[in-house]
Amino acid sequence: MTEEDVFVRINREYYQLTSSEKKIADYMMLHQPPSQILSISEMAAETGVAEATVSRFCRRLGYDGYNAFKLAVAGSKAGRSASSPLSGEVLPEDSVLTMCQKLRSDHTEAIAQTMDLIRPEAVTAAADLFLSAERVLCMGQGGSMILAEEAAHLFSTVLPNFYAVQGSHFQVIRAVHLGPRDAVFYFSYSGSTRDMLDVLKIARSKGARSVLITRFPNSFGAAHADIVLECGSRENPLQLGSIAACMAQLYLVDVLFSEVCRRDMAEARSRRKQVADALTDKHM
């Protein structure tokens, strides 16, 4: 067992937990300091699960049992306000300046984590795929769709084959018409949404390849994607769609875009100039 912070491990494994195990994880994230004094029977009662589920949860995280898990909790950085719906450990008593400083640190850390997780061979493979694809459909659900639209917008300034596809039903329709020369660029922090799995399964059955940006490389979505790019940023269950997580994913978009452009800088510069010239009349 490594010395990794137990709450970091819970965050990373969260979307691979069963529904009963997630109840324990949610309770732990919301009651970090008090939770370490509970017995296994008390933890089971508090979370509404069986004691056997608590034991299984501990083993899933890599601990020999509940006592070993409690020791890890006691030795963790448990003072962090993981129960807060805000990122950056922002507190009600913070000044505006302090809040800004905390958020800056949180965003910087998210990008730094992503940098540490980058696999150059995956970036190269994704760029190769995008450059050779006849069509690249950019997709996501909820807030992730906004990131997919941003990616489609950015890549469209140098390549004519990027399209943002909204709506889970329309995404399935478009996926049905994909072929071996096409690609899907999907955004999913959890990597575990049903709509994403529907699209990736259909795309693979049609011979199309896919690139997935996610926080969880062992997620169900990652298992169905051809190329997985892992973003940093740790969200607890209350921090849905945090800006830090979005920035981490957009950083990967920028990395991919830069890799595509640097393959032929002269052509990329020419195409972006053509786009800029065409949009000139749109400005006042």
C-alpha atoms as a PDB file:
ATOM      1  CA  MET A   1       0.000   0.000   0.000  1.00  0.00           C
ATOM      2  CA  THR A   2       1.404   3.369  -1.001  1.00  0.00           C
ATOM      3  CA  GLU A   3       1.366   6.467   1.186  1.00  0.00           C
ATOM      4  CA  GLU A   4      -1.234   8.118  -1.056  1.00  0.00           C
ATOM      5  CA  ASP A   5      -3.775  10.251   0.801  1.00  0.00           C
ATOM      6  CA  VAL A   6      -6.876   8.136   1.452  1.00  0.00           C
ATOM      7  CA  PHE A   7      -9.233  10.888   0.267  1.00  0.00           C
ATOM      8  CA  VAL A   8      -7.304  11.278  -2.969  1.00  0.00           C
ATOM      9  CA  ARG A   9      -7.764   7.541  -3.484  1.00  0.00           C
ATOM     10  CA  ILE A  10     -11.508   7.783  -2.736  1.00  0.00           C
ATOM     11  CA  ASN A  11     -11.861  10.613  -5.262  1.00  0.00           C
ATOM     12  CA  ARG A  12      -9.996   8.678  -7.932  1.00  0.00           C
ATOM     13  CA  GLU A  13     -11.925   5.436  -7.446  1.00  0.00           C
ATOM     14  CA  TYR A  14     -15.318   7.012  -6.768  1.00  0.00           C
ATOM     15  CA  TYR A  15     -16.988   6.232 -10.099  1.00  0.00           C
ATOM     16  CA  GLN A  16     -15.851   2.598  -9.960  1.00  0.00           C
ATOM     17  CA  LEU A  17     -17.583   2.009  -6.600  1.00  0.00           C
ATOM     18  CA  THR A  18     -20.912   0.234  -6.238  1.00  0.00           C
ATOM     19  CA  SER A  19     -23.942   2.291  -5.188  1.00  0.00           C
ATOM     20  CA  SER A  20     -23.605   0.993  -1.611  1.00  0.00           C
ATOM     21  CA  GLU A  21     -19.874   1.746  -1.511  1.00  0.00           C
ATOM     22  CA  LYS A  22     -20.560   5.263  -2.793  1.00  0.00           C
ATOM     23  CA  LYS A  23     -22.717   5.856   0.285  1.00  0.00           C
ATOM     24  CA  ILE A  24     -19.637   5.215   2.430  1.00  0.00           C
ATOM     25  CA  ALA A  25     -17.453   7.383   0.195  1.00  0.00           C
ATOM     26  CA  ASP A  26     -19.972  10.252   0.314  1.00  0.00           C
ATOM     27  CA  TYR A  27     -20.194  10.008   4.088  1.00  0.00           C
ATOM     28  CA  MET A  28     -16.404  10.001   4.422  1.00  0.00           C
ATOM     29  CA  MET A  29     -16.033  13.081   2.224  1.00  0.00           C
ATOM     30  CA  LEU A  30     -18.687  14.962   4.166  1.00  0.00           C
ATOM     31  CA  HIS A  31     -17.553  13.919   7.667  1.00  0.00           C
ATOM     32  CA  GLN A  32     -13.793  13.503   7.428  1.00  0.00           C
ATOM     33  CA  PRO A  33     -12.629  14.227  10.998  1.00  0.00           C
ATOM     34  CA  PRO A  34     -15.557  12.589  12.871  1.00  0.00           C
ATOM     35  CA  SER A  35     -15.602   9.490  10.665  1.00  0.00           C
ATOM     36  CA  GLN A  36     -12.296   8.169  11.980  1.00  0.00           C
ATOM     37  CA  ILE A  37     -13.699   7.555  15.467  1.00  0.00           C
ATOM     38  CA  LEU A  38     -16.612   5.370  14.344  1.00  0.00           C
ATOM     39  CA  SER A  39     -16.567   1.601  14.779  1.00  0.00           C
ATOM     40  CA  ILE A  40     -17.368  -0.541  11.772  1.00  0.00           C
ATOM     41  CA  SER A  41     -20.889  -1.168  13.080  1.00  0.00           C
ATOM     42  CA  GLU A  42     -21.404   2.566  13.640  1.00  0.00           C
ATOM     43  CA  MET A  43     -20.141   3.345  10.128  1.00  0.00           C
ATOM     44  CA  ALA A  44     -22.522   0.755   8.705  1.00  0.00           C
ATOM     45  CA  ALA A  45     -25.427   2.261  10.672  1.00  0.00           C
ATOM     46  CA  GLU A  46     -24.534   5.828   9.650  1.00  0.00           C
ATOM     47  CA  THR A  47     -24.355   4.954   5.960  1.00  0.00           C
ATOM     48  CA  GLY A  48     -27.193   2.438   5.860  1.00  0.00           C
ATOM     49  CA  VAL A  49     -25.119  -0.444   4.519  1.00  0.00           C
ATOM     50  CA  ALA A  50     -23.987  -3.805   5.872  1.00  0.00           C
ATOM     51  CA  GLU A  51     -20.737  -4.207   7.801  1.00  0.00           C
ATOM     52  CA  ALA A  52     -19.550  -6.531   5.035  1.00  0.00           C
ATOM     53  CA  THR A  53     -19.964  -3.645   2.569  1.00  0.00           C
ATOM     54  CA  VAL A  54     -17.782  -1.417   4.741  1.00  0.00           C
ATOM     55  CA  SER A  55     -15.083  -4.102   4.805  1.00  0.00           C
ATOM     56  CA  ARG A  56     -15.326  -4.567   1.043  1.00  0.00           C
ATOM     57  CA  PHE A  57     -15.068  -0.808   0.544  1.00  0.00           C
ATOM     58  CA  CYS A  58     -11.837  -0.721   2.581  1.00  0.00           C
ATOM     59  CA  ARG A  59     -10.318  -3.619   0.649  1.00  0.00           C
ATOM     60  CA  ARG A  60     -11.292  -2.039  -2.670  1.00  0.00           C
ATOM     61  CA  LEU A  61      -9.201   0.981  -1.672  1.00  0.00           C
ATOM     62  CA  GLY A  62      -6.249  -1.290  -0.889  1.00  0.00           C
ATOM     63  CA  TYR A  63      -6.480  -1.562   2.925  1.00  0.00           C
ATOM     64  CA  ASP A  64      -6.371  -4.835   4.845  1.00  0.00           C
ATOM     65  CA  GLY A  65      -9.457  -3.950   6.852  1.00  0.00           C
ATOM     66  CA  TYR A  66     -11.450  -1.246   8.565  1.00  0.00           C
ATOM     67  CA  ASN A  67      -8.849  -0.562  11.252  1.00  0.00           C
ATOM     68  CA  ALA A  68      -6.123  -0.033   8.652  1.00  0.00           C
ATOM     69  CA  PHE A  69      -8.486   2.259   6.781  1.00  0.00           C
ATOM     70  CA  LYS A  70      -9.173   4.326   9.929  1.00  0.00           C
ATOM     71  CA  LEU A  71      -5.440   4.713  10.518  1.00  0.00           C
ATOM     72  CA  ALA A  72      -5.060   6.011   6.981  1.00  0.00           C
ATOM     73  CA  VAL A  73      -7.894   8.491   7.592  1.00  0.00           C
ATOM     74  CA  ALA A  74      -6.256   9.677  10.799  1.00  0.00           C
ATOM     75  CA  GLY A  75      -2.962  10.206   8.976  1.00  0.00           C
ATOM     76  CA  SER A  76      -4.474  11.927   5.953  1.00  0.00           C
ATOM     77  CA  LYS A  77      -4.782  15.599   5.147  1.00  0.00           C
ATOM     78  CA  ALA A  78      -8.241  15.429   6.627  1.00  0.00           C
ATOM     79  CA  GLY A  79      -8.390  19.083   7.542  1.00  0.00           C
ATOM     80  CA  ARG A  80      -9.349  19.962   3.987  1.00  0.00           C
ATOM     81  CA  SER A  81     -12.917  21.113   3.538  1.00  0.00           C
ATOM     82  CA  ALA A  82     -13.994  18.325   1.206  1.00  0.00           C
ATOM     83  CA  SER A  83     -17.628  18.827   2.230  1.00  0.00           C
ATOM     84  CA  SER A  84     -17.621  22.263   0.629  1.00  0.00           C
ATOM     85  CA  PRO A  85     -19.371  22.581  -2.734  1.00  0.00           C
ATOM     86  CA  LEU A  86     -16.681  25.101  -3.681  1.00  0.00           C
ATOM     87  CA  SER A  87     -13.265  24.318  -5.081  1.00  0.00           C
ATOM     88  CA  GLY A  88     -10.022  25.763  -3.795  1.00  0.00           C
ATOM     89  CA  GLU A  89     -11.028  25.181  -0.153  1.00  0.00           C
ATOM     90  CA  VAL A  90     -12.879  28.498  -0.159  1.00  0.00           C
ATOM     91  CA  LEU A  91     -14.366  29.307   3.245  1.00  0.00           C
ATOM     92  CA  PRO A  92     -17.159  31.725   4.227  1.00  0.00           C
ATOM     93  CA  GLU A  93     -14.753  33.830   6.298  1.00  0.00           C
ATOM     94  CA  ASP A  94     -12.250  34.334   3.465  1.00  0.00           C
ATOM     95  CA  SER A  95     -11.727  37.796   2.021  1.00  0.00           C
ATOM     96  CA  VAL A  96     -12.192  38.288  -1.714  1.00  0.00           C
ATOM     97  CA  LEU A  97      -8.416  38.432  -2.168  1.00  0.00           C
ATOM     98  CA  THR A  98      -7.888  35.236  -0.178  1.00  0.00           C
ATOM     99  CA  MET A  99     -10.618  33.529  -2.199  1.00  0.00           C
ATOM    100  CA  CYS A 100      -8.938  34.600  -5.446  1.00  0.00           C
ATOM    101  CA  GLN A 101      -5.569  33.316  -4.258  1.00  0.00           C
ATOM    102  CA  LYS A 102      -7.029  29.945  -3.262  1.00  0.00           C
ATOM    103  CA  LEU A 103      -8.789  29.536  -6.594  1.00  0.00           C
ATOM    104  CA  ARG A 104      -5.636  30.451  -8.486  1.00  0.00           C
ATOM    105  CA  SER A 105      -3.737  27.789  -6.551  1.00  0.00           C
ATOM    106  CA  ASP A 106      -6.487  25.247  -7.203  1.00  0.00           C
ATOM    107  CA  HIS A 107      -6.502  25.945 -10.941  1.00  0.00           C
ATOM    108  CA  THR A 108      -2.716  25.894 -11.150  1.00  0.00           C
ATOM    109  CA  GLU A 109      -2.618  22.598  -9.278  1.00  0.00           C
ATOM    110  CA  ALA A 110      -5.181  21.073 -11.647  1.00  0.00           C
ATOM    111  CA  ILE A 111      -3.022  21.903 -14.654  1.00  0.00           C
ATOM    112  CA  ALA A 112       0.127  20.696 -12.871  1.00  0.00           C
ATOM    113  CA  GLN A 113      -1.571  17.388 -12.060  1.00  0.00           C
ATOM    114  CA  THR A 114      -2.628  17.049 -15.691  1.00  0.00           C
ATOM    115  CA  MET A 115       0.910  17.727 -16.875  1.00  0.00           C
ATOM    116  CA  ASP A 116       2.167  14.901 -14.659  1.00  0.00           C
ATOM    117  CA  LEU A 117      -0.416  12.535 -16.155  1.00  0.00           C
ATOM    118  CA  ILE A 118       0.308  13.282 -19.813  1.00  0.00           C
ATOM    119  CA  ARG A 119       1.530  10.354 -21.889  1.00  0.00           C
ATOM    120  CA  PRO A 120       3.329  11.752 -24.974  1.00  0.00           C
ATOM    121  CA  GLU A 121       2.543   8.653 -27.018  1.00  0.00           C
ATOM    122  CA  ALA A 122      -1.182   9.175 -26.400  1.00  0.00           C
ATOM    123  CA  VAL A 123      -0.961  12.825 -27.505  1.00  0.00           C
ATOM    124  CA  THR A 124       0.895  11.778 -30.660  1.00  0.00           C
ATOM    125  CA  ALA A 125      -1.636   9.049 -31.434  1.00  0.00           C
ATOM    126  CA  ALA A 126      -4.585  11.424 -30.938  1.00  0.00           C
ATOM    127  CA  ALA A 127      -3.017  14.040 -33.226  1.00  0.00           C
ATOM    128  CA  ASP A 128      -2.374  11.369 -35.880  1.00  0.00           C
ATOM    129  CA  LEU A 129      -6.005  10.289 -35.647  1.00  0.00           C
ATOM    130  CA  PHE A 130      -7.390  13.823 -35.931  1.00  0.00           C
ATOM    131  CA  LEU A 131      -5.220  14.650 -38.936  1.00  0.00           C
ATOM    132  CA  SER A 132      -6.176  11.484 -40.805  1.00  0.00           C
ATOM    133  CA  ALA A 133      -9.884  11.409 -39.914  1.00  0.00           C
ATOM    134  CA  GLU A 134     -12.556  12.330 -42.431  1.00  0.00           C
ATOM    135  CA  ARG A 135     -14.813  13.564 -39.617  1.00  0.00           C
ATOM    136  CA  VAL A 136     -14.183  14.200 -35.911  1.00  0.00           C
ATOM    137  CA  LEU A 137     -17.363  14.433 -33.832  1.00  0.00           C
ATOM    138  CA  CYS A 138     -16.863  16.296 -30.536  1.00  0.00           C
ATOM    139  CA  MET A 139     -19.273  15.228 -27.821  1.00  0.00           C
ATOM    140  CA  GLY A 140     -20.050  15.338 -24.111  1.00  0.00           C
ATOM    141  CA  GLN A 141     -22.996  15.540 -21.731  1.00  0.00           C
ATOM    142  CA  GLY A 142     -24.020  18.512 -19.600  1.00  0.00           C
ATOM    143  CA  GLY A 143     -21.079  20.773 -18.817  1.00  0.00           C
ATOM    144  CA  SER A 144     -18.759  18.462 -20.735  1.00  0.00           C
ATOM    145  CA  MET A 145     -20.612  19.363 -23.930  1.00  0.00           C
ATOM    146  CA  ILE A 146     -19.471  22.950 -23.471  1.00  0.00           C
ATOM    147  CA  LEU A 147     -15.874  21.694 -23.513  1.00  0.00           C
ATOM    148  CA  ALA A 148     -16.619  19.624 -26.614  1.00  0.00           C
ATOM    149  CA  GLU A 149     -17.990  22.720 -28.360  1.00  0.00           C
ATOM    150  CA  GLU A 150     -14.894  24.687 -27.400  1.00  0.00           C
ATOM    151  CA  ALA A 151     -12.687  21.935 -28.819  1.00  0.00           C
ATOM    152  CA  ALA A 152     -14.662  21.835 -32.081  1.00  0.00           C
ATOM    153  CA  HIS A 153     -14.467  25.615 -32.355  1.00  0.00           C
ATOM    154  CA  LEU A 154     -10.705  25.707 -31.788  1.00  0.00           C
ATOM    155  CA  PHE A 155      -9.810  22.861 -34.142  1.00  0.00           C
ATOM    156  CA  SER A 156     -12.129  24.277 -36.820  1.00  0.00           C
ATOM    157  CA  THR A 157      -9.765  27.225 -37.209  1.00  0.00           C
ATOM    158  CA  VAL A 158      -7.185  24.900 -38.789  1.00  0.00           C
ATOM    159  CA  LEU A 159      -9.118  21.775 -39.874  1.00  0.00           C
ATOM    160  CA  PRO A 160     -12.444  21.490 -41.734  1.00  0.00           C
ATOM    161  CA  ASN A 161     -13.500  18.143 -40.284  1.00  0.00           C
ATOM    162  CA  PHE A 162     -14.421  18.948 -36.655  1.00  0.00           C
ATOM    163  CA  TYR A 163     -18.091  19.065 -35.636  1.00  0.00           C
ATOM    164  CA  ALA A 164     -19.758  19.534 -32.241  1.00  0.00           C
ATOM    165  CA  VAL A 165     -22.754  17.220 -31.798  1.00  0.00           C
ATOM    166  CA  GLN A 166     -25.248  18.072 -29.059  1.00  0.00           C
ATOM    167  CA  GLY A 167     -27.972  15.945 -27.472  1.00  0.00           C
ATOM    168  CA  SER A 168     -27.663  12.297 -26.500  1.00  0.00           C
ATOM    169  CA  HIS A 169     -30.160  11.100 -29.117  1.00  0.00           C
ATOM    170  CA  PHE A 170     -28.548  13.078 -31.942  1.00  0.00           C
ATOM    171  CA  GLN A 171     -25.130  11.841 -30.849  1.00  0.00           C
ATOM    172  CA  VAL A 172     -26.303   8.246 -31.215  1.00  0.00           C
ATOM    173  CA  ILE A 173     -27.778   9.046 -34.645  1.00  0.00           C
ATOM    174  CA  ARG A 174     -24.498  10.564 -35.827  1.00  0.00           C
ATOM    175  CA  ALA A 175     -22.510   7.677 -34.349  1.00  0.00           C
ATOM    176  CA  VAL A 176     -24.562   5.182 -36.375  1.00  0.00           C
ATOM    177  CA  HIS A 177     -23.349   6.847 -39.589  1.00  0.00           C
ATOM    178  CA  LEU A 178     -19.643   6.808 -38.671  1.00  0.00           C
ATOM    179  CA  GLY A 179     -17.145   4.770 -40.645  1.00  0.00           C
ATOM    180  CA  PRO A 180     -13.549   3.522 -40.306  1.00  0.00           C
ATOM    181  CA  ARG A 181     -12.169   6.896 -41.413  1.00  0.00           C
ATOM    182  CA  ASP A 182     -14.063   8.825 -38.723  1.00  0.00           C
ATOM    183  CA  ALA A 183     -13.312   9.628 -35.064  1.00  0.00           C
ATOM    184  CA  VAL A 184     -15.099  10.640 -31.878  1.00  0.00           C
ATOM    185  CA  PHE A 185     -13.607  13.155 -29.438  1.00  0.00           C
ATOM    186  CA  TYR A 186     -15.480  12.665 -26.148  1.00  0.00           C
ATOM    187  CA  PHE A 187     -15.309  14.594 -22.869  1.00  0.00           C
ATOM    188  CA  SER A 188     -16.381  12.942 -19.608  1.00  0.00           C
ATOM    189  CA  TYR A 189     -14.804  13.726 -16.236  1.00  0.00           C
ATOM    190  CA  SER A 190     -16.254  10.573 -14.678  1.00  0.00           C
ATOM    191  CA  GLY A 191     -15.896   8.393 -17.751  1.00  0.00           C
ATOM    192  CA  SER A 192     -19.001   6.565 -16.551  1.00  0.00           C
ATOM    193  CA  THR A 193     -22.118   8.087 -18.144  1.00  0.00           C
ATOM    194  CA  ARG A 194     -24.560   5.821 -19.969  1.00  0.00           C
ATOM    195  CA  ASP A 195     -24.935   8.185 -22.933  1.00  0.00           C
ATOM    196  CA  MET A 196     -21.166   8.200 -23.466  1.00  0.00           C
ATOM    197  CA  LEU A 197     -21.017   4.401 -23.414  1.00  0.00           C
ATOM    198  CA  ASP A 198     -23.815   4.211 -25.990  1.00  0.00           C
ATOM    199  CA  VAL A 199     -21.878   6.448 -28.382  1.00  0.00           C
ATOM    200  CA  LEU A 200     -18.482   4.809 -27.895  1.00  0.00           C
ATOM    201  CA  LYS A 201     -19.882   1.302 -28.337  1.00  0.00           C
ATOM    202  CA  ILE A 202     -21.659   2.254 -31.557  1.00  0.00           C
ATOM    203  CA  ALA A 203     -18.603   4.104 -32.876  1.00  0.00           C
ATOM    204  CA  ARG A 204     -16.390   1.088 -32.267  1.00  0.00           C
ATOM    205  CA  SER A 205     -18.891  -1.240 -33.956  1.00  0.00           C
ATOM    206  CA  LYS A 206     -18.707   0.996 -37.042  1.00  0.00           C
ATOM    207  CA  GLY A 207     -14.922   0.901 -37.122  1.00  0.00           C
ATOM    208  CA  ALA A 208     -14.495   4.501 -35.959  1.00  0.00           C
ATOM    209  CA  ARG A 209     -11.864   5.293 -33.340  1.00  0.00           C
ATOM    210  CA  SER A 210     -12.291   7.482 -30.270  1.00  0.00           C
ATOM    211  CA  VAL A 211     -10.339   9.805 -28.003  1.00  0.00           C
ATOM    212  CA  LEU A 212     -11.612  10.266 -24.437  1.00  0.00           C
ATOM    213  CA  ILE A 213     -10.618  12.962 -21.957  1.00  0.00           C
ATOM    214  CA  THR A 214     -11.431  11.798 -18.421  1.00  0.00           C
ATOM    215  CA  ARG A 215     -10.207  11.896 -14.838  1.00  0.00           C
ATOM    216  CA  PHE A 216     -10.562   8.146 -14.404  1.00  0.00           C
ATOM    217  CA  PRO A 217      -8.395   5.948 -16.680  1.00  0.00           C
ATOM    218  CA  ASN A 218      -9.971   2.784 -15.261  1.00  0.00           C
ATOM    219  CA  SER A 219     -13.552   3.899 -15.946  1.00  0.00           C
ATOM    220  CA  PHE A 220     -16.073   2.115 -18.144  1.00  0.00           C
ATOM    221  CA  GLY A 221     -15.650   4.772 -20.829  1.00  0.00           C
ATOM    222  CA  ALA A 222     -11.881   4.377 -20.889  1.00  0.00           C
ATOM    223  CA  ALA A 223     -12.322   0.676 -21.546  1.00  0.00           C
ATOM    224  CA  HIS A 224     -14.285   1.498 -24.725  1.00  0.00           C
ATOM    225  CA  ALA A 225     -12.060   4.327 -26.003  1.00  0.00           C
ATOM    226  CA  ASP A 226      -9.045   3.817 -28.253  1.00  0.00           C
ATOM    227  CA  ILE A 227      -7.012   6.688 -26.796  1.00  0.00           C
ATOM    228  CA  VAL A 228      -7.428   7.977 -23.228  1.00  0.00           C
ATOM    229  CA  LEU A 229      -6.067  11.298 -21.987  1.00  0.00           C
ATOM    230  CA  GLU A 230      -6.225  11.708 -18.212  1.00  0.00           C
ATOM    231  CA  CYS A 231      -6.891  15.124 -16.712  1.00  0.00           C
ATOM    232  CA  GLY A 232      -5.975  16.220 -13.206  1.00  0.00           C
ATOM    233  CA  SER A 233      -8.118  18.061 -10.635  1.00  0.00           C
ATOM    234  CA  ARG A 234      -9.826  16.342  -7.722  1.00  0.00           C
ATOM    235  CA  GLU A 235     -13.548  16.916  -7.273  1.00  0.00           C
ATOM    236  CA  ASN A 236     -15.557  15.640  -4.365  1.00  0.00           C
ATOM    237  CA  PRO A 237     -19.172  14.617  -5.136  1.00  0.00           C
ATOM    238  CA  LEU A 238     -20.479  18.120  -4.345  1.00  0.00           C
ATOM    239  CA  GLN A 239     -18.133  19.938  -6.743  1.00  0.00           C
ATOM    240  CA  LEU A 240     -19.860  19.010  -9.993  1.00  0.00           C
ATOM    241  CA  GLY A 241     -18.223  20.575 -13.039  1.00  0.00           C
ATOM    242  CA  SER A 242     -15.696  22.659 -11.136  1.00  0.00           C
ATOM    243  CA  ILE A 243     -13.805  25.296 -13.094  1.00  0.00           C
ATOM    244  CA  ALA A 244     -10.507  23.677 -12.094  1.00  0.00           C
ATOM    245  CA  ALA A 245     -11.599  20.389 -13.687  1.00  0.00           C
ATOM    246  CA  CYS A 246     -12.695  22.244 -16.823  1.00  0.00           C
ATOM    247  CA  MET A 247      -9.356  24.026 -17.029  1.00  0.00           C
ATOM    248  CA  ALA A 248      -7.514  20.718 -16.728  1.00  0.00           C
ATOM    249  CA  GLN A 249      -9.475  19.327 -19.670  1.00  0.00           C
ATOM    250  CA  LEU A 250      -9.058  22.470 -21.743  1.00  0.00           C
ATOM    251  CA  TYR A 251      -5.333  22.290 -21.106  1.00  0.00           C
ATOM    252  CA  LEU A 252      -5.348  18.888 -22.799  1.00  0.00           C
ATOM    253  CA  VAL A 253      -7.328  20.363 -25.699  1.00  0.00           C
ATOM    254  CA  ASP A 254      -4.661  23.034 -26.077  1.00  0.00           C
ATOM    255  CA  VAL A 255      -1.918  20.390 -25.963  1.00  0.00           C
ATOM    256  CA  LEU A 256      -3.633  18.394 -28.731  1.00  0.00           C
ATOM    257  CA  PHE A 257      -4.309  21.506 -30.803  1.00  0.00           C
ATOM    258  CA  SER A 258      -0.683  22.616 -30.535  1.00  0.00           C
ATOM    259  CA  GLU A 259       0.536  19.147 -31.517  1.00  0.00           C
ATOM    260  CA  VAL A 260      -1.711  19.170 -34.587  1.00  0.00           C
ATOM    261  CA  CYS A 261      -0.618  22.666 -35.623  1.00  0.00           C
ATOM    262  CA  ARG A 262       3.095  22.114 -35.194  1.00  0.00           C
ATOM    263  CA  ARG A 263       2.997  19.236 -37.684  1.00  0.00           C
ATOM    264  CA  ASP A 264       2.605  21.945 -40.377  1.00  0.00           C
ATOM    265  CA  MET A 265       2.984  25.384 -38.853  1.00  0.00           C
ATOM    266  CA  ALA A 266       2.898  27.222 -42.186  1.00  0.00           C
ATOM    267  CA  GLU A 267      -0.410  25.628 -43.180  1.00  0.00           C
ATOM    268  CA  ALA A 268      -1.904  26.183 -39.714  1.00  0.00           C
ATOM    269  CA  ARG A 269      -0.870  29.835 -39.803  1.00  0.00           C
ATOM    270  CA  SER A 270      -2.359  30.273 -43.282  1.00  0.00           C
ATOM    271  CA  ARG A 271      -5.692  28.703 -42.351  1.00  0.00           C
ATOM    272  CA  ARG A 272      -6.030  30.695 -39.142  1.00  0.00           C
ATOM    273  CA  LYS A 273      -5.310  33.880 -41.079  1.00  0.00           C
ATOM    274  CA  GLN A 274      -8.021  33.006 -43.588  1.00  0.00           C
ATOM    275  CA  VAL A 275     -10.479  32.480 -40.739  1.00  0.00           C
ATOM    276  CA  ALA A 276      -9.444  35.744 -39.071  1.00  0.00           C
ATOM    277  CA  ASP A 277      -9.838  37.643 -42.344  1.00  0.00           C
ATOM    278  CA  ALA A 278     -13.285  36.134 -42.943  1.00  0.00           C
ATOM    279  CA  LEU A 279     -14.413  37.164 -39.477  1.00  0.00           C
ATOM    280  CA  THR A 280     -13.110  40.721 -39.726  1.00  0.00           C
ATOM    281  CA  ASP A 281     -16.453  42.154 -40.814  1.00  0.00           C
ATOM    282  CA  LYS A 282     -18.124  40.602 -37.772  1.00  0.00           C
ATOM    283  CA  HIS A 283     -16.365  43.079 -35.488  1.00  0.00           C
ATOM    284  CA  MET A 284     -17.597  46.628 -34.909  1.00  0.00           C
END
